[in-house]
Amino acid sequence: MIDSWDYQLLYSIWKKNGLIIRPYKSLCKHIGWGDDATHSKGSDRHPEVEVKEIQFPISHPSKFKINSKFDNLEIKNIRGVRFFNYIRYKIVKKVYSYLKLEKK
């Protein structure tokens, strides 16, 4: 079992061909870094992120477009290949278990 919520969210978005909408300004900052953290060990990997206030009324764009360049940057730098390596590891482990083989 994967001990994180974001893998399931990302999978469901991919499965439904969904989109993730990113606000122009960051409205929150992850502060759960450190040796006692569950998943975010070490120091803050994104110290440059600043929390901004949202201005009301909110104006929604009439059009949107997919930013593949940004998506690829996020996959590479934020999600990292760890996600795909982990999924591959879990699938291989499951197949070996199903076939009753030992992975060496």
Foldseek 3Di string as FASTA:
>chain_A
DDPDDVLVVVVVCVVVVHDDDDDPAAQDDDPQEDCPHPPHYDDDPCPVHDHDDDDPPDDDDPDDDDDVVVVVCCVPPPVNCVSVVVVVVVVVVVVCVVVVHDDD
